[in-house]
Amino acid sequence: MTIKKHFKLLAYSFISWLTFYIIGLPDYYQHWYFWLKVASLPGLTLLFFPVTRYMLNAFWRDGRHLINSCWLALYFTLPLFIYDYILLAWYKDLGIQFVFPYFYLSFFYFSFWVQFPYIGRKMEREDKESKNSRVHT
């Protein structure tokens, strides 16, 4: 992957983080009811299925969806964790314990490592099946 793509992914991840942060103002979703925070997790997870497919198709043209999905997972977990750590653990002085009251953020630090590779692998299988069906027709 080129350096330019690394920087693009880093920029996209920062813009995504900033957008979610701004939407969650004034206190990064802490003012939401607990049930609403919990209910939003499956909704956002489902939203990321088509978004991930779109990003994998738009950002890479090499058909290596599984590997590329791992790059997406890396750029949409590690930098976001670092931004959250700087804001919550360091600036707001919550320490690493911020992961508990902000569980709805912590959920995605892990779920993307399951969800994105799953989508990438599924896309690779679909590509393989599509190629096989074209060969047999």
N, C-alpha and C. Protein backbone atom coordinates (compact mmCIF):
# COMPACT_ATOMS: atom_id res chain seq x y z
N MET A 1 0.85 -1.18 0.00
CA MET A 1 0.00 0.00 0.00
C MET A 1 0.90 1.24 0.00
N THR A 2 0.51 2.24 -0.74
CA THR A 2 1.34 3.43 -0.89
C THR A 2 1.25 4.32 0.36
N ILE A 3 2.23 5.16 0.52
CA ILE A 3 2.25 6.12 1.63
C ILE A 3 1.04 7.04 1.54
N LYS A 4 0.70 7.42 0.32
CA LYS A 4 -0.44 8.30 0.10
C LYS A 4 -1.73 7.65 0.63
N LYS A 5 -1.91 6.37 0.39
CA LYS A 5 -3.10 5.67 0.89
C LYS A 5 -3.10 5.60 2.42
N HIS A 6 -1.92 5.39 3.00
CA HIS A 6 -1.84 5.38 4.47
C HIS A 6 -2.31 6.73 5.03
N PHE A 7 -1.83 7.81 4.44
CA PHE A 7 -2.23 9.13 4.92
C PHE A 7 -3.71 9.40 4.67
N LYS A 8 -4.23 8.93 3.54
CA LYS A 8 -5.66 9.08 3.27
C LYS A 8 -6.49 8.34 4.31
N LEU A 9 -6.11 7.10 4.61
CA LEU A 9 -6.83 6.33 5.62
C LEU A 9 -6.76 7.01 6.99
N LEU A 10 -5.59 7.53 7.31
CA LEU A 10 -5.44 8.24 8.58
C LEU A 10 -6.33 9.48 8.61
N ALA A 11 -6.40 10.19 7.51
CA ALA A 11 -7.28 11.38 7.43
C ALA A 11 -8.74 10.98 7.54
N TYR A 12 -9.14 9.91 6.83
CA TYR A 12 -10.53 9.44 6.91
C TYR A 12 -10.88 9.02 8.32
N SER A 13 -9.96 8.35 8.98
CA SER A 13 -10.25 7.89 10.34
C SER A 13 -10.39 9.09 11.28
N PHE A 14 -9.55 10.11 11.10
CA PHE A 14 -9.67 11.29 11.95
C PHE A 14 -10.98 12.03 11.70
N ILE A 15 -11.34 12.18 10.43
CA ILE A 15 -12.60 12.85 10.09
C ILE A 15 -13.78 12.07 10.67
N SER A 16 -13.73 10.76 10.58
CA SER A 16 -14.80 9.92 11.16
C SER A 16 -14.88 10.12 12.66
N TRP A 17 -13.73 10.08 13.32
CA TRP A 17 -13.70 10.27 14.77
C TRP A 17 -14.26 11.64 15.13
N LEU A 18 -13.80 12.68 14.45
CA LEU A 18 -14.24 14.03 14.75
C LEU A 18 -15.74 14.19 14.53
N THR A 19 -16.25 13.58 13.48
CA THR A 19 -17.69 13.63 13.21
C THR A 19 -18.48 12.99 14.34
N PHE A 20 -18.07 11.78 14.76
CA PHE A 20 -18.76 11.11 15.85
C PHE A 20 -18.62 11.89 17.16
N TYR A 21 -17.47 12.49 17.36
CA TYR A 21 -17.28 13.30 18.56
C TYR A 21 -18.22 14.50 18.56
N ILE A 22 -18.29 15.21 17.45
CA ILE A 22 -19.16 16.39 17.35
C ILE A 22 -20.63 16.01 17.52
N ILE A 23 -21.04 14.92 16.89
CA ILE A 23 -22.43 14.46 17.05
C ILE A 23 -22.72 14.16 18.52
N GLY A 24 -21.73 13.67 19.24
CA GLY A 24 -21.91 13.28 20.64
C GLY A 24 -21.75 14.39 21.65
N LEU A 25 -21.53 15.62 21.18
CA LEU A 25 -21.36 16.73 22.12
C LEU A 25 -22.64 16.95 22.92
N PRO A 26 -22.58 17.40 24.13
CA PRO A 26 -21.47 18.07 24.78
C PRO A 26 -20.52 17.14 25.54
N ASP A 27 -20.89 15.90 25.77
CA ASP A 27 -20.03 15.05 26.60
C ASP A 27 -19.80 13.67 25.98
N TYR A 28 -19.68 13.65 24.67
CA TYR A 28 -19.31 12.43 23.94
C TYR A 28 -20.28 11.28 24.25
N TYR A 29 -21.56 11.58 24.14
CA TYR A 29 -22.67 10.64 24.29
C TYR A 29 -22.98 10.23 25.73
N GLN A 30 -22.28 10.77 26.70
CA GLN A 30 -22.56 10.40 28.10
C GLN A 30 -23.94 10.87 28.54
N HIS A 31 -24.48 11.88 27.89
CA HIS A 31 -25.81 12.38 28.24
C HIS A 31 -26.93 11.51 27.68
N TRP A 32 -26.59 10.57 26.80
CA TRP A 32 -27.60 9.67 26.26
C TRP A 32 -28.02 8.67 27.33
N TYR A 33 -29.28 8.22 27.24
CA TYR A 33 -29.73 7.15 28.12
C TYR A 33 -28.92 5.88 27.84
N PHE A 34 -28.72 5.08 28.88
CA PHE A 34 -27.96 3.84 28.74
C PHE A 34 -28.56 2.96 27.64
N TRP A 35 -29.88 2.80 27.66
CA TRP A 35 -30.53 1.92 26.68
C TRP A 35 -30.30 2.43 25.26
N LEU A 36 -30.21 3.74 25.06
CA LEU A 36 -29.98 4.30 23.74
C LEU A 36 -28.55 4.02 23.27
N LYS A 37 -27.60 4.10 24.19
CA LYS A 37 -26.22 3.78 23.84
C LYS A 37 -26.10 2.31 23.44
N VAL A 38 -26.75 1.45 24.20
CA VAL A 38 -26.71 0.01 23.90
C VAL A 38 -27.42 -0.27 22.57
N ALA A 39 -28.58 0.34 22.37
CA ALA A 39 -29.35 0.12 21.15
C ALA A 39 -28.64 0.65 19.92
N SER A 40 -27.81 1.65 20.06
CA SER A 40 -27.11 2.22 18.90
C SER A 40 -26.00 1.30 18.38
N LEU A 41 -25.49 0.41 19.21
CA LEU A 41 -24.38 -0.45 18.79
C LEU A 41 -24.75 -1.36 17.61
N PRO A 42 -25.86 -2.11 17.68
CA PRO A 42 -26.20 -2.93 16.51
C PRO A 42 -26.53 -2.09 15.28
N GLY A 43 -27.17 -0.95 15.48
CA GLY A 43 -27.50 -0.09 14.35
C GLY A 43 -26.26 0.41 13.63
N LEU A 44 -25.29 0.88 14.39
CA LEU A 44 -24.04 1.35 13.78
C LEU A 44 -23.27 0.19 13.16
N THR A 45 -23.31 -0.96 13.82
CA THR A 45 -22.63 -2.14 13.26
C THR A 45 -23.21 -2.49 11.91
N LEU A 46 -24.54 -2.51 11.81
CA LEU A 46 -25.19 -2.81 10.53
C LEU A 46 -24.88 -1.74 9.48
N LEU A 47 -24.81 -0.49 9.91
CA LEU A 47 -24.48 0.60 8.98
C LEU A 47 -23.10 0.41 8.37
N PHE A 48 -22.17 -0.14 9.15
CA PHE A 48 -20.80 -0.29 8.65
C PHE A 48 -20.65 -1.43 7.64
N PHE A 49 -21.63 -2.31 7.51
CA PHE A 49 -21.53 -3.36 6.49
C PHE A 49 -21.47 -2.75 5.08
N PRO A 50 -22.45 -1.96 4.67
CA PRO A 50 -22.34 -1.37 3.32
C PRO A 50 -21.22 -0.34 3.22
N VAL A 51 -20.94 0.37 4.29
CA VAL A 51 -19.85 1.36 4.26
C VAL A 51 -18.52 0.65 4.03
N THR A 52 -18.32 -0.46 4.70
CA THR A 52 -17.07 -1.21 4.55
C THR A 52 -16.94 -1.75 3.13
N ARG A 53 -18.01 -2.32 2.61
CA ARG A 53 -17.99 -2.81 1.22
C ARG A 53 -17.63 -1.67 0.26
N TYR A 54 -18.29 -0.54 0.47
CA TYR A 54 -18.03 0.61 -0.39
C TYR A 54 -16.56 1.04 -0.31
N MET A 55 -16.05 1.15 0.91
CA MET A 55 -14.66 1.59 1.08
C MET A 55 -13.68 0.60 0.46
N LEU A 56 -13.93 -0.69 0.64
CA LEU A 56 -13.02 -1.68 0.06
C LEU A 56 -13.02 -1.61 -1.47
N ASN A 57 -14.19 -1.39 -2.06
CA ASN A 57 -14.27 -1.29 -3.52
C ASN A 57 -13.75 0.04 -4.04
N ALA A 58 -13.98 1.11 -3.30
CA ALA A 58 -13.58 2.44 -3.77
C ALA A 58 -12.10 2.72 -3.54
N PHE A 59 -11.55 2.18 -2.49
CA PHE A 59 -10.19 2.54 -2.10
C PHE A 59 -9.13 1.62 -2.71
N TRP A 60 -9.51 0.37 -2.96
CA TRP A 60 -8.56 -0.59 -3.54
C TRP A 60 -9.18 -1.26 -4.75
N ARG A 61 -8.36 -1.55 -5.71
CA ARG A 61 -8.81 -2.23 -6.93
C ARG A 61 -8.07 -3.56 -7.16
N ASP A 62 -7.37 -4.03 -6.14
CA ASP A 62 -6.53 -5.22 -6.33
C ASP A 62 -7.21 -6.54 -5.98
N GLY A 63 -8.45 -6.51 -5.49
CA GLY A 63 -9.18 -7.73 -5.16
C GLY A 63 -8.73 -8.42 -3.89
N ARG A 64 -7.80 -7.81 -3.16
CA ARG A 64 -7.30 -8.40 -1.91
C ARG A 64 -8.14 -7.86 -0.75
N HIS A 65 -9.41 -8.20 -0.76
CA HIS A 65 -10.36 -7.62 0.18
C HIS A 65 -10.05 -7.96 1.63
N LEU A 66 -9.60 -9.17 1.90
CA LEU A 66 -9.32 -9.57 3.27
C LEU A 66 -8.16 -8.76 3.85
N ILE A 67 -7.08 -8.68 3.13
CA ILE A 67 -5.93 -7.90 3.60
C ILE A 67 -6.30 -6.43 3.72
N ASN A 68 -6.99 -5.93 2.73
CA ASN A 68 -7.39 -4.52 2.76
C ASN A 68 -8.37 -4.23 3.89
N SER A 69 -9.22 -5.19 4.20
CA SER A 69 -10.15 -4.99 5.31
C SER A 69 -9.40 -4.93 6.64
N CYS A 70 -8.28 -5.62 6.72
CA CYS A 70 -7.45 -5.53 7.94
C CYS A 70 -6.80 -4.16 8.05
N TRP A 71 -6.41 -3.58 6.91
CA TRP A 71 -5.91 -2.20 6.94
C TRP A 71 -7.01 -1.25 7.42
N LEU A 72 -8.22 -1.46 6.93
CA LEU A 72 -9.34 -0.63 7.40
C LEU A 72 -9.54 -0.79 8.90
N ALA A 73 -9.52 -2.02 9.36
CA ALA A 73 -9.71 -2.28 10.79
C ALA A 73 -8.62 -1.58 11.60
N LEU A 74 -7.40 -1.66 11.12
CA LEU A 74 -6.29 -1.00 11.84
C LEU A 74 -6.52 0.50 11.91
N TYR A 75 -6.84 1.12 10.77
CA TYR A 75 -7.00 2.56 10.74
C TYR A 75 -8.28 3.07 11.39
N PHE A 76 -9.25 2.19 11.57
CA PHE A 76 -10.49 2.61 12.23
C PHE A 76 -10.59 2.10 13.67
N THR A 77 -9.48 1.57 14.19
CA THR A 77 -9.45 1.20 15.61
C THR A 77 -8.29 1.87 16.33
N LEU A 78 -7.08 1.63 15.90
CA LEU A 78 -5.92 2.15 16.62
C LEU A 78 -5.90 3.69 16.68
N PRO A 79 -6.00 4.40 15.56
CA PRO A 79 -6.00 5.86 15.67
C PRO A 79 -7.19 6.38 16.50
N LEU A 80 -8.37 5.76 16.32
CA LEU A 80 -9.54 6.22 17.09
C LEU A 80 -9.34 5.98 18.58
N PHE A 81 -8.73 4.85 18.92
CA PHE A 81 -8.40 4.61 20.33
C PHE A 81 -7.43 5.67 20.83
N ILE A 82 -6.44 6.01 20.02
CA ILE A 82 -5.46 7.02 20.43
C ILE A 82 -6.14 8.38 20.62
N TYR A 83 -7.02 8.76 19.69
CA TYR A 83 -7.74 10.04 19.83
C TYR A 83 -8.60 10.03 21.10
N ASP A 84 -9.30 8.92 21.33
CA ASP A 84 -10.11 8.81 22.54
C ASP A 84 -9.24 8.83 23.79
N TYR A 85 -8.11 8.17 23.72
CA TYR A 85 -7.19 8.14 24.87
C TYR A 85 -6.70 9.55 25.19
N ILE A 86 -6.29 10.28 24.17
CA ILE A 86 -5.81 11.65 24.39
C ILE A 86 -6.92 12.51 25.00
N LEU A 87 -8.12 12.40 24.44
CA LEU A 87 -9.24 13.21 24.92
C LEU A 87 -9.71 12.78 26.31
N LEU A 88 -9.96 11.51 26.47
CA LEU A 88 -10.62 11.04 27.70
C LEU A 88 -9.64 10.65 28.80
N ALA A 89 -8.64 9.88 28.47
CA ALA A 89 -7.70 9.40 29.49
C ALA A 89 -6.75 10.51 29.93
N TRP A 90 -6.26 11.24 28.95
CA TRP A 90 -5.26 12.24 29.28
C TRP A 90 -5.88 13.60 29.59
N TYR A 91 -6.60 14.18 28.63
CA TYR A 91 -7.16 15.52 28.80
C TYR A 91 -8.21 15.58 29.91
N LYS A 92 -9.15 14.63 29.90
CA LYS A 92 -10.20 14.62 30.92
C LYS A 92 -9.79 13.85 32.17
N ASP A 93 -8.56 13.35 32.17
CA ASP A 93 -7.94 12.71 33.33
C ASP A 93 -8.73 11.49 33.84
N LEU A 94 -9.29 10.71 32.91
CA LEU A 94 -10.03 9.52 33.30
C LEU A 94 -9.15 8.28 33.35
N GLY A 95 -7.97 8.38 32.78
CA GLY A 95 -7.10 7.20 32.71
C GLY A 95 -7.70 6.17 31.76
N ILE A 96 -7.05 5.03 31.70
CA ILE A 96 -7.51 3.98 30.80
C ILE A 96 -8.89 3.46 31.19
N GLN A 97 -9.33 3.76 32.38
CA GLN A 97 -10.66 3.33 32.82
C GLN A 97 -11.78 3.96 32.00
N PHE A 98 -11.45 4.91 31.12
CA PHE A 98 -12.50 5.50 30.28
C PHE A 98 -13.20 4.44 29.44
N VAL A 99 -12.54 3.31 29.21
CA VAL A 99 -13.13 2.28 28.36
C VAL A 99 -14.42 1.70 28.95
N PHE A 100 -14.63 1.84 30.26
CA PHE A 100 -15.84 1.29 30.87
C PHE A 100 -17.04 2.24 30.74
N PRO A 101 -16.94 3.50 31.19
CA PRO A 101 -18.11 4.36 30.99
C PRO A 101 -18.37 4.70 29.52
N TYR A 102 -17.34 4.58 28.70
CA TYR A 102 -17.47 4.83 27.27
C TYR A 102 -17.44 3.51 26.51
N PHE A 103 -18.13 2.51 27.04
CA PHE A 103 -18.14 1.17 26.47
C PHE A 103 -18.58 1.16 25.01
N TYR A 104 -19.43 2.09 24.64
CA TYR A 104 -19.94 2.16 23.27
C TYR A 104 -18.84 2.55 22.30
N LEU A 105 -17.78 3.20 22.77
CA LEU A 105 -16.61 3.45 21.94
C LEU A 105 -15.72 2.21 21.92
N SER A 106 -15.50 1.65 23.10
CA SER A 106 -14.63 0.49 23.25
C SER A 106 -15.12 -0.69 22.42
N PHE A 107 -16.41 -0.83 22.28
CA PHE A 107 -17.00 -1.92 21.50
C PHE A 107 -16.40 -1.97 20.09
N PHE A 108 -16.27 -0.81 19.47
CA PHE A 108 -15.79 -0.77 18.09
C PHE A 108 -14.29 -0.98 17.96
N TYR A 109 -13.54 -0.78 19.05
CA TYR A 109 -12.10 -1.08 18.98
C TYR A 109 -11.89 -2.56 18.68
N PHE A 110 -12.86 -3.39 19.06
CA PHE A 110 -12.74 -4.84 18.85
C PHE A 110 -13.64 -5.34 17.72
N SER A 111 -14.85 -4.81 17.65
CA SER A 111 -15.81 -5.35 16.67
C SER A 111 -15.34 -5.16 15.23
N PHE A 112 -14.64 -4.07 14.95
CA PHE A 112 -14.17 -3.85 13.59
C PHE A 112 -13.16 -4.91 13.16
N TRP A 113 -12.44 -5.50 14.12
CA TRP A 113 -11.47 -6.55 13.80
C TRP A 113 -12.15 -7.87 13.47
N VAL A 114 -13.42 -7.98 13.80
CA VAL A 114 -14.21 -9.14 13.40
C VAL A 114 -15.01 -8.80 12.15
N GLN A 115 -15.67 -7.69 12.18
CA GLN A 115 -16.60 -7.30 11.12
C GLN A 115 -15.89 -7.03 9.79
N PHE A 116 -14.86 -6.22 9.78
CA PHE A 116 -14.22 -5.85 8.53
C PHE A 116 -13.59 -7.05 7.82
N PRO A 117 -12.79 -7.89 8.53
CA PRO A 117 -12.26 -9.08 7.85
C PRO A 117 -13.36 -10.04 7.38
N TYR A 118 -14.44 -10.14 8.13
CA TYR A 118 -15.56 -10.97 7.69
C TYR A 118 -16.08 -10.47 6.34
N ILE A 119 -16.28 -9.19 6.23
CA ILE A 119 -16.78 -8.60 4.98
C ILE A 119 -15.76 -8.79 3.86
N GLY A 120 -14.48 -8.56 4.17
CA GLY A 120 -13.43 -8.74 3.17
C GLY A 120 -13.36 -10.17 2.67
N ARG A 121 -13.44 -11.12 3.58
CA ARG A 121 -13.40 -12.54 3.18
C ARG A 121 -14.62 -12.90 2.34
N LYS A 122 -15.76 -12.41 2.75
CA LYS A 122 -16.99 -12.67 1.99
C LYS A 122 -16.88 -12.09 0.58
N MET A 123 -16.31 -10.91 0.45
CA MET A 123 -16.16 -10.29 -0.87
C MET A 123 -15.19 -11.09 -1.74
N GLU A 124 -14.13 -11.63 -1.13
CA GLU A 124 -13.20 -12.46 -1.89
C GLU A 124 -13.89 -13.72 -2.39
N ARG A 125 -14.72 -14.34 -1.55
CA ARG A 125 -15.46 -15.53 -1.97
C ARG A 125 -16.43 -15.20 -3.10
N GLU A 126 -17.10 -14.05 -2.98
CA GLU A 126 -18.03 -13.64 -4.04
C GLU A 126 -17.28 -13.41 -5.36
N ASP A 127 -16.10 -12.79 -5.28
CA ASP A 127 -15.30 -12.59 -6.49
C ASP A 127 -14.89 -13.93 -7.11
N LYS A 128 -14.49 -14.87 -6.26
CA LYS A 128 -14.07 -16.18 -6.74
C LYS A 128 -15.23 -16.92 -7.38
N GLU A 129 -16.40 -16.88 -6.74
CA GLU A 129 -17.60 -17.52 -7.30
C GLU A 129 -18.00 -16.87 -8.62
N SER A 130 -17.87 -15.57 -8.70
CA SER A 130 -18.21 -14.84 -9.92
C SER A 130 -17.27 -15.25 -11.06
N LYS A 131 -15.98 -15.37 -10.76
CA LYS A 131 -15.01 -15.80 -11.77
C LYS A 131 -15.29 -17.23 -12.22
N ASN A 132 -15.62 -18.11 -11.25
CA ASN A 132 -15.92 -19.49 -11.58
C ASN A 132 -17.16 -19.61 -12.44
N SER A 133 -18.17 -18.81 -12.15
CA SER A 133 -19.41 -18.89 -12.93
C SER A 133 -19.18 -18.36 -14.36
N ARG A 134 -18.30 -17.39 -14.52
CA ARG A 134 -18.00 -16.87 -15.86
C ARG A 134 -17.21 -17.90 -16.68
N VAL A 135 -16.36 -18.67 -16.00
CA VAL A 135 -15.56 -19.68 -16.68
C VAL A 135 -16.45 -20.83 -17.16
N HIS A 136 -17.46 -21.18 -16.35
CA HIS A 136 -18.34 -22.31 -16.67
C HIS A 136 -19.48 -21.95 -17.61
N THR A 137 -19.66 -20.71 -17.94
CA THR A 137 -20.74 -20.34 -18.85
C THR A 137 -20.27 -20.20 -20.26
